[in-house]
Amino acid sequence: MFDTGTKSAEYHNHIFEKVSPAMESLGLMCQCLGGGKIEHNSTDRKLRVFGESTAFGKADHSVSVEMLKSVYSDYEISWSDDKK
């Protein structure tokens, strides 16, 4: 995992710009397919994926949810096309 820092990479395009050179140096080609937000409720063990990136548009949230389920199997995970 790449350390994006909390202050220097607040938005999708900042994160992508920061990690893509490191990924490319490993011989990986990278392309951002969209973005969104994740709302995390640790008390209720819920994640909600929603929204979109101003710079990259909306990611396929169903794909993001499937990836999250592989790590957070004990969470209720949902997604929507809601912007907020």
PDB file of N, CA and C in Angstrom:
ATOM      1  N   MET A   1       0.847  -1.172   0.000  1.00  0.00           N
ATOM      2  CA  MET A   1       0.000   0.000   0.000  1.00  0.00           C
ATOM      3  C   MET A   1       0.891   1.233   0.000  1.00  0.00           C
ATOM      4  N   PHE A   2       0.461   2.270  -0.693  1.00  0.00           N
ATOM      5  CA  PHE A   2       1.214   3.509  -0.776  1.00  0.00           C
ATOM      6  C   PHE A   2       0.696   4.489   0.260  1.00  0.00           C
ATOM      7  N   ASP A   3       1.602   5.179   0.922  1.00  0.00           N
ATOM      8  CA  ASP A   3       1.229   6.194   1.896  1.00  0.00           C
ATOM      9  C   ASP A   3       0.953   7.484   1.151  1.00  0.00           C
ATOM     10  N   THR A   4      -0.317   7.906   1.136  1.00  0.00           N
ATOM     11  CA  THR A   4      -0.678   9.132   0.429  1.00  0.00           C
ATOM     12  C   THR A   4      -0.631  10.341   1.331  1.00  0.00           C
ATOM     13  N   GLY A   5      -0.490  10.131   2.642  1.00  0.00           N
ATOM     14  CA  GLY A   5      -0.494  11.259   3.567  1.00  0.00           C
ATOM     15  C   GLY A   5      -1.901  11.796   3.738  1.00  0.00           C
ATOM     16  N   THR A   6      -2.184  12.413   4.847  1.00  0.00           N
ATOM     17  CA  THR A   6      -3.543  12.901   5.062  1.00  0.00           C
ATOM     18  C   THR A   6      -3.732  14.328   4.590  1.00  0.00           C
ATOM     19  N   LYS A   7      -2.684  15.118   4.581  1.00  0.00           N
ATOM     20  CA  LYS A   7      -2.818  16.516   4.198  1.00  0.00           C
ATOM     21  C   LYS A   7      -2.483  16.746   2.732  1.00  0.00           C
ATOM     22  N   SER A   8      -1.580  15.953   2.167  1.00  0.00           N
ATOM     23  CA  SER A   8      -1.096  16.220   0.820  1.00  0.00           C
ATOM     24  C   SER A   8      -1.918  15.544  -0.275  1.00  0.00           C
ATOM     25  N   ALA A   9      -2.866  14.706   0.072  1.00  0.00           N
ATOM     26  CA  ALA A   9      -3.645  13.996  -0.945  1.00  0.00           C
ATOM     27  C   ALA A   9      -5.091  13.877  -0.482  1.00  0.00           C
ATOM     28  N   GLU A  10      -5.801  14.984  -0.523  1.00  0.00           N
ATOM     29  CA  GLU A  10      -7.158  15.001  -0.001  1.00  0.00           C
ATOM     30  C   GLU A  10      -8.212  14.607  -1.040  1.00  0.00           C
ATOM     31  N   TYR A  11      -7.898  14.716  -2.316  1.00  0.00           N
ATOM     32  CA  TYR A  11      -8.875  14.454  -3.366  1.00  0.00           C
ATOM     33  C   TYR A  11      -8.367  13.362  -4.298  1.00  0.00           C
ATOM     34  N   HIS A  12      -9.292  12.752  -5.041  1.00  0.00           N
ATOM     35  CA  HIS A  12      -8.930  11.651  -5.931  1.00  0.00           C
ATOM     36  C   HIS A  12      -7.751  11.992  -6.834  1.00  0.00           C
ATOM     37  N   ASN A  13      -7.807  13.151  -7.487  1.00  0.00           N
ATOM     38  CA  ASN A  13      -6.731  13.474  -8.414  1.00  0.00           C
ATOM     39  C   ASN A  13      -5.399  13.649  -7.701  1.00  0.00           C
ATOM     40  N   HIS A  14      -5.401  14.165  -6.462  1.00  0.00           N
ATOM     41  CA  HIS A  14      -4.153  14.293  -5.710  1.00  0.00           C
ATOM     42  C   HIS A  14      -3.596  12.923  -5.344  1.00  0.00           C
ATOM     43  N   ILE A  15      -4.446  12.034  -4.923  1.00  0.00           N
ATOM     44  CA  ILE A  15      -4.019  10.677  -4.574  1.00  0.00           C
ATOM     45  C   ILE A  15      -3.456   9.975  -5.804  1.00  0.00           C
ATOM     46  N   PHE A  16      -4.192  10.056  -6.918  1.00  0.00           N
ATOM     47  CA  PHE A  16      -3.763   9.406  -8.147  1.00  0.00           C
ATOM     48  C   PHE A  16      -2.420   9.962  -8.621  1.00  0.00           C
ATOM     49  N   GLU A  17      -2.272  11.282  -8.601  1.00  0.00           N
ATOM     50  CA  GLU A  17      -1.015  11.904  -9.028  1.00  0.00           C
ATOM     51  C   GLU A  17       0.148  11.482  -8.132  1.00  0.00           C
ATOM     52  N   LYS A  18      -0.134  11.252  -6.863  1.00  0.00           N
ATOM     53  CA  LYS A  18       0.925  10.896  -5.923  1.00  0.00           C
ATOM     54  C   LYS A  18       1.346   9.429  -6.053  1.00  0.00           C
ATOM     55  N   VAL A  19       0.402   8.518  -6.263  1.00  0.00           N
ATOM     56  CA  VAL A  19       0.754   7.090  -6.284  1.00  0.00           C
ATOM     57  C   VAL A  19       1.083   6.556  -7.672  1.00  0.00           C
ATOM     58  N   SER A  20       0.603   7.199  -8.742  1.00  0.00           N
ATOM     59  CA  SER A  20       0.838   6.620 -10.068  1.00  0.00           C
ATOM     60  C   SER A  20       2.317   6.543 -10.451  1.00  0.00           C
ATOM     61  N   PRO A  21       3.183   7.529 -10.128  1.00  0.00           N
ATOM     62  CA  PRO A  21       4.601   7.347 -10.463  1.00  0.00           C
ATOM     63  C   PRO A  21       5.229   6.138  -9.754  1.00  0.00           C
ATOM     64  N   ALA A  22       4.861   5.918  -8.499  1.00  0.00           N
ATOM     65  CA  ALA A  22       5.398   4.761  -7.772  1.00  0.00           C
ATOM     66  C   ALA A  22       4.913   3.464  -8.397  1.00  0.00           C
ATOM     67  N   MET A  23       3.666   3.428  -8.818  1.00  0.00           N
ATOM     68  CA  MET A  23       3.128   2.219  -9.455  1.00  0.00           C
ATOM     69  C   MET A  23       3.811   1.986 -10.805  1.00  0.00           C
ATOM     70  N   GLU A  24       3.983   3.056 -11.569  1.00  0.00           N
ATOM     71  CA  GLU A  24       4.636   2.933 -12.875  1.00  0.00           C
ATOM     72  C   GLU A  24       6.087   2.493 -12.732  1.00  0.00           C
ATOM     73  N   SER A  25       6.762   2.914 -11.655  1.00  0.00           N
ATOM     74  CA  SER A  25       8.151   2.487 -11.443  1.00  0.00           C
ATOM     75  C   SER A  25       8.235   0.985 -11.180  1.00  0.00           C
ATOM     76  N   LEU A  26       7.116   0.385 -10.774  1.00  0.00           N
ATOM     77  CA  LEU A  26       7.059  -1.066 -10.561  1.00  0.00           C
ATOM     78  C   LEU A  26       6.656  -1.805 -11.840  1.00  0.00           C
ATOM     79  N   GLY A  27       6.482  -1.034 -12.927  1.00  0.00           N
ATOM     80  CA  GLY A  27       6.104  -1.634 -14.201  1.00  0.00           C
ATOM     81  C   GLY A  27       4.605  -1.776 -14.380  1.00  0.00           C
ATOM     82  N   LEU A  28       3.827  -1.144 -13.509  1.00  0.00           N
ATOM     83  CA  LEU A  28       2.373  -1.223 -13.604  1.00  0.00           C
ATOM     84  C   LEU A  28       1.829  -0.035 -14.372  1.00  0.00           C
ATOM     85  N   MET A  29       0.861  -0.286 -15.220  1.00  0.00           N
ATOM     86  CA  MET A  29       0.161   0.804 -15.893  1.00  0.00           C
ATOM     87  C   MET A  29      -1.080   1.104 -15.066  1.00  0.00           C
ATOM     88  N   CYS A  30      -1.354   2.377 -14.858  1.00  0.00           N
ATOM     89  CA  CYS A  30      -2.511   2.706 -14.040  1.00  0.00           C
ATOM     90  C   CYS A  30      -3.379   3.746 -14.729  1.00  0.00           C
ATOM     91  N   GLN A  31      -4.667   3.628 -14.469  1.00  0.00           N
ATOM     92  CA  GLN A  31      -5.659   4.541 -15.006  1.00  0.00           C
ATOM     93  C   GLN A  31      -6.773   4.647 -13.978  1.00  0.00           C
ATOM     94  N   CYS A  32      -7.197   5.852 -13.674  1.00  0.00           N
ATOM     95  CA  CYS A  32      -8.293   6.033 -12.730  1.00  0.00           C
ATOM     96  C   CYS A  32      -9.612   5.899 -13.480  1.00  0.00           C
ATOM     97  N   LEU A  33     -10.457   4.984 -13.042  1.00  0.00           N
ATOM     98  CA  LEU A  33     -11.723   4.719 -13.713  1.00  0.00           C
ATOM     99  C   LEU A  33     -12.897   5.451 -13.073  1.00  0.00           C
ATOM    100  N   GLY A  34     -12.629   6.288 -12.100  1.00  0.00           N
ATOM    101  CA  GLY A  34     -13.688   7.044 -11.438  1.00  0.00           C
ATOM    102  C   GLY A  34     -13.437   7.108  -9.957  1.00  0.00           C
ATOM    103  N   GLY A  35     -14.311   7.776  -9.254  1.00  0.00           N
ATOM    104  CA  GLY A  35     -14.132   7.941  -7.827  1.00  0.00           C
ATOM    105  C   GLY A  35     -15.448   7.973  -7.083  1.00  0.00           C
ATOM    106  N   GLY A  36     -15.386   8.274  -5.832  1.00  0.00           N
ATOM    107  CA  GLY A  36     -16.552   8.356  -4.970  1.00  0.00           C
ATOM    108  C   GLY A  36     -16.098   8.518  -3.536  1.00  0.00           C
ATOM    109  N   LYS A  37     -17.002   8.282  -2.650  1.00  0.00           N
ATOM    110  CA  LYS A  37     -16.711   8.425  -1.225  1.00  0.00           C
ATOM    111  C   LYS A  37     -17.129   7.153  -0.497  1.00  0.00           C
ATOM    112  N   ILE A  38     -16.545   6.957   0.682  1.00  0.00           N
ATOM    113  CA  ILE A  38     -16.937   5.837   1.535  1.00  0.00           C
ATOM    114  C   ILE A  38     -17.284   6.400   2.897  1.00  0.00           C
ATOM    115  N   GLU A  39     -18.497   6.134   3.323  1.00  0.00           N
ATOM    116  CA  GLU A  39     -18.935   6.514   4.671  1.00  0.00           C
ATOM    117  C   GLU A  39     -18.739   5.303   5.572  1.00  0.00           C
ATOM    118  N   HIS A  40     -18.018   5.482   6.671  1.00  0.00           N
ATOM    119  CA  HIS A  40     -17.678   4.375   7.560  1.00  0.00           C
ATOM    120  C   HIS A  40     -18.330   4.574   8.920  1.00  0.00           C
ATOM    121  N   ASN A  41     -19.148   3.623   9.320  1.00  0.00           N
ATOM    122  CA  ASN A  41     -19.767   3.630  10.641  1.00  0.00           C
ATOM    123  C   ASN A  41     -19.227   2.414  11.390  1.00  0.00           C
ATOM    124  N   SER A  42     -18.175   2.634  12.181  1.00  0.00           N
ATOM    125  CA  SER A  42     -17.526   1.508  12.863  1.00  0.00           C
ATOM    126  C   SER A  42     -18.392   0.931  13.978  1.00  0.00           C
ATOM    127  N   THR A  43     -19.238   1.748  14.587  1.00  0.00           N
ATOM    128  CA  THR A  43     -20.106   1.266  15.660  1.00  0.00           C
ATOM    129  C   THR A  43     -21.092   0.226  15.141  1.00  0.00           C
ATOM    130  N   ASP A  44     -21.743   0.536  14.007  1.00  0.00           N
ATOM    131  CA  ASP A  44     -22.717  -0.381  13.413  1.00  0.00           C
ATOM    132  C   ASP A  44     -22.093  -1.326  12.393  1.00  0.00           C
ATOM    133  N   ARG A  45     -20.788  -1.196  12.158  1.00  0.00           N
ATOM    134  CA  ARG A  45     -20.066  -2.021  11.187  1.00  0.00           C
ATOM    135  C   ARG A  45     -20.711  -1.935   9.802  1.00  0.00           C
ATOM    136  N   LYS A  46     -20.811  -0.691   9.329  1.00  0.00           N
ATOM    137  CA  LYS A  46     -21.406  -0.434   8.020  1.00  0.00           C
ATOM    138  C   LYS A  46     -20.491   0.450   7.185  1.00  0.00           C
ATOM    139  N   LEU A  47     -20.457   0.159   5.893  1.00  0.00           N
ATOM    140  CA  LEU A  47     -19.777   0.996   4.916  1.00  0.00           C
ATOM    141  C   LEU A  47     -20.788   1.347   3.829  1.00  0.00           C
ATOM    142  N   ARG A  48     -20.756   2.595   3.369  1.00  0.00           N
ATOM    143  CA  ARG A  48     -21.624   3.019   2.268  1.00  0.00           C
ATOM    144  C   ARG A  48     -20.760   3.714   1.229  1.00  0.00           C
ATOM    145  N   VAL A  49     -20.799   3.229   0.000  1.00  0.00           N
ATOM    146  CA  VAL A  49     -20.046   3.793  -1.114  1.00  0.00           C
ATOM    147  C   VAL A  49     -21.022   4.623  -1.944  1.00  0.00           C
ATOM    148  N   PHE A  50     -20.631   5.859  -2.272  1.00  0.00           N
ATOM    149  CA  PHE A  50     -21.546   6.747  -2.993  1.00  0.00           C
ATOM    150  C   PHE A  50     -20.744   7.886  -3.633  1.00  0.00           C
ATOM    151  N   GLY A  51     -21.427   8.730  -4.364  1.00  0.00           N
ATOM    152  CA  GLY A  51     -20.834   9.942  -4.913  1.00  0.00           C
ATOM    153  C   GLY A  51     -19.957   9.706  -6.122  1.00  0.00           C
ATOM    154  N   GLU A  52     -19.221  10.759  -6.470  1.00  0.00           N
ATOM    155  CA  GLU A  52     -18.353  10.702  -7.638  1.00  0.00           C
ATOM    156  C   GLU A  52     -17.205  11.680  -7.472  1.00  0.00           C
ATOM    157  N   SER A  53     -16.210  11.534  -8.307  1.00  0.00           N
ATOM    158  CA  SER A  53     -15.063  12.425  -8.320  1.00  0.00           C
ATOM    159  C   SER A  53     -15.313  13.543  -9.320  1.00  0.00           C
ATOM    160  N   THR A  54     -15.009  14.760  -8.931  1.00  0.00           N
ATOM    161  CA  THR A  54     -15.131  15.883  -9.859  1.00  0.00           C
ATOM    162  C   THR A  54     -14.172  15.708 -11.025  1.00  0.00           C
ATOM    163  N   ALA A  55     -12.988  15.226 -10.748  1.00  0.00           N
ATOM    164  CA  ALA A  55     -11.966  15.069 -11.778  1.00  0.00           C
ATOM    165  C   ALA A  55     -12.165  13.830 -12.652  1.00  0.00           C
ATOM    166  N   PHE A  56     -12.655  12.717 -12.076  1.00  0.00           N
ATOM    167  CA  PHE A  56     -12.685  11.441 -12.792  1.00  0.00           C
ATOM    168  C   PHE A  56     -14.081  10.868 -13.017  1.00  0.00           C
ATOM    169  N   GLY A  57     -15.127  11.505 -12.521  1.00  0.00           N
ATOM    170  CA  GLY A  57     -16.474  10.960 -12.660  1.00  0.00           C
ATOM    171  C   GLY A  57     -16.740   9.872 -11.634  1.00  0.00           C
ATOM    172  N   LYS A  58     -17.819   9.126 -11.846  1.00  0.00           N
ATOM    173  CA  LYS A  58     -18.245   8.101 -10.893  1.00  0.00           C
ATOM    174  C   LYS A  58     -17.592   6.761 -11.213  1.00  0.00           C
ATOM    175  N   ALA A  59     -17.068   6.140 -10.178  1.00  0.00           N
ATOM    176  CA  ALA A  59     -16.555   4.775 -10.314  1.00  0.00           C
ATOM    177  C   ALA A  59     -17.734   3.807 -10.347  1.00  0.00           C
ATOM    178  N   ASP A  60     -17.476   2.589 -10.753  1.00  0.00           N
ATOM    179  CA  ASP A  60     -18.493   1.538 -10.669  1.00  0.00           C
ATOM    180  C   ASP A  60     -18.517   1.071  -9.219  1.00  0.00           C
ATOM    181  N   HIS A  61     -19.459   1.624  -8.461  1.00  0.00           N
ATOM    182  CA  HIS A  61     -19.495   1.350  -7.025  1.00  0.00           C
ATOM    183  C   HIS A  61     -19.752  -0.124  -6.707  1.00  0.00           C
ATOM    184  N   SER A  62     -20.419  -0.837  -7.584  1.00  0.00           N
ATOM    185  CA  SER A  62     -20.647  -2.261  -7.322  1.00  0.00           C
ATOM    186  C   SER A  62     -19.316  -3.017  -7.294  1.00  0.00           C
ATOM    187  N   VAL A  63     -18.369  -2.617  -8.106  1.00  0.00           N
ATOM    188  CA  VAL A  63     -17.039  -3.240  -8.107  1.00  0.00           C
ATOM    189  C   VAL A  63     -16.308  -2.897  -6.814  1.00  0.00           C
ATOM    190  N   SER A  64     -16.394  -1.632  -6.404  1.00  0.00           N
ATOM    191  CA  SER A  64     -15.756  -1.209  -5.151  1.00  0.00           C
ATOM    192  C   SER A  64     -16.301  -1.993  -3.971  1.00  0.00           C
ATOM    193  N   VAL A  65     -17.621  -2.183  -3.957  1.00  0.00           N
ATOM    194  CA  VAL A  65     -18.253  -2.919  -2.855  1.00  0.00           C
ATOM    195  C   VAL A  65     -17.767  -4.361  -2.817  1.00  0.00           C
ATOM    196  N   GLU A  66     -17.648  -4.998  -3.951  1.00  0.00           N
ATOM    197  CA  GLU A  66     -17.164  -6.381  -3.972  1.00  0.00           C
ATOM    198  C   GLU A  66     -15.743  -6.470  -3.430  1.00  0.00           C
ATOM    199  N   MET A  67     -14.914  -5.492  -3.746  1.00  0.00           N
ATOM    200  CA  MET A  67     -13.542  -5.474  -3.224  1.00  0.00           C
ATOM    201  C   MET A  67     -13.554  -5.260  -1.707  1.00  0.00           C
ATOM    202  N   LEU A  68     -14.393  -4.351  -1.242  1.00  0.00           N
ATOM    203  CA  LEU A  68     -14.488  -4.089   0.196  1.00  0.00           C
ATOM    204  C   LEU A  68     -14.995  -5.314   0.952  1.00  0.00           C
ATOM    205  N   LYS A  69     -15.938  -6.044   0.362  1.00  0.00           N
ATOM    206  CA  LYS A  69     -16.486  -7.238   1.020  1.00  0.00           C
ATOM    207  C   LYS A  69     -15.415  -8.290   1.264  1.00  0.00           C
ATOM    208  N   SER A  70     -14.411  -8.344   0.398  1.00  0.00           N
ATOM    209  CA  SER A  70     -13.357  -9.349   0.576  1.00  0.00           C
ATOM    210  C   SER A  70     -12.492  -9.044   1.802  1.00  0.00           C
ATOM    211  N   VAL A  71     -12.471  -7.799   2.240  1.00  0.00           N
ATOM    212  CA  VAL A  71     -11.680  -7.413   3.402  1.00  0.00           C
ATOM    213  C   VAL A  71     -12.563  -7.205   4.633  1.00  0.00           C
ATOM    214  N   TYR A  72     -13.743  -6.650   4.426  1.00  0.00           N
ATOM    215  CA  TYR A  72     -14.663  -6.329   5.528  1.00  0.00           C
ATOM    216  C   TYR A  72     -15.869  -7.263   5.490  1.00  0.00           C
ATOM    217  N   SER A  73     -15.615  -8.548   5.596  1.00  0.00           N
ATOM    218  CA  SER A  73     -16.686  -9.545   5.471  1.00  0.00           C
ATOM    219  C   SER A  73     -17.696  -9.473   6.609  1.00  0.00           C
ATOM    220  N   ASP A  74     -17.308  -8.870   7.721  1.00  0.00           N
ATOM    221  CA  ASP A  74     -18.215  -8.768   8.860  1.00  0.00           C
ATOM    222  C   ASP A  74     -18.976  -7.434   8.880  1.00  0.00           C
ATOM    223  N   TYR A  75     -18.896  -6.672   7.794  1.00  0.00           N
ATOM    224  CA  TYR A  75     -19.591  -5.398   7.667  1.00  0.00           C
ATOM    225  C   TYR A  75     -20.791  -5.518   6.731  1.00  0.00           C
ATOM    226  N   GLU A  76     -21.773  -4.687   6.955  1.00  0.00           N
ATOM    227  CA  GLU A  76     -22.851  -4.491   5.982  1.00  0.00           C
ATOM    228  C   GLU A  76     -22.350  -3.406   5.035  1.00  0.00           C
ATOM    229  N   ILE A  77     -22.272  -3.724   3.754  1.00  0.00           N
ATOM    230  CA  ILE A  77     -21.710  -2.784   2.777  1.00  0.00           C
ATOM    231  C   ILE A  77     -22.740  -2.531   1.682  1.00  0.00           C
ATOM    232  N   SER A  78     -22.995  -1.256   1.424  1.00  0.00           N
ATOM    233  CA  SER A  78     -23.974  -0.884   0.405  1.00  0.00           C
ATOM    234  C   SER A  78     -23.398   0.215  -0.485  1.00  0.00           C
ATOM    235  N   TRP A  79     -24.070   0.459  -1.598  1.00  0.00           N
ATOM    236  CA  TRP A  79     -23.669   1.544  -2.480  1.00  0.00           C
ATOM    237  C   TRP A  79     -24.902   2.183  -3.091  1.00  0.00           C
ATOM    238  N   SER A  80     -24.734   3.413  -3.546  1.00  0.00           N
ATOM    239  CA  SER A  80     -25.817   4.109  -4.234  1.00  0.00           C
ATOM    240  C   SER A  80     -25.214   5.127  -5.200  1.00  0.00           C
ATOM    241  N   ASP A  81     -26.055   5.647  -6.068  1.00  0.00           N
ATOM    242  CA  ASP A  81     -25.641   6.702  -6.977  1.00  0.00           C
ATOM    243  C   ASP A  81     -25.882   8.079  -6.369  1.00  0.00           C
ATOM    244  N   ASP A  82     -26.292   8.110  -5.100  1.00  0.00           N
ATOM    245  CA  ASP A  82     -26.495   9.391  -4.420  1.00  0.00           C
ATOM    246  C   ASP A  82     -25.208  10.181  -4.404  1.00  0.00           C
ATOM    247  N   LYS A  83     -25.326  11.483  -4.515  1.00  0.00           N
ATOM    248  CA  LYS A  83     -24.140  12.351  -4.476  1.00  0.00           C
ATOM    249  C   LYS A  83     -23.751  12.688  -3.062  1.00  0.00           C
ATOM    250  N   LYS A  84     -24.689  12.564  -2.108  1.00  0.00           N
ATOM    251  CA  LYS A  84     -24.404  12.853  -0.694  1.00  0.00           C
ATOM    252  C   LYS A  84     -24.930  11.750   0.178  1.00  0.00           C
TER     253      LYS A  84
END
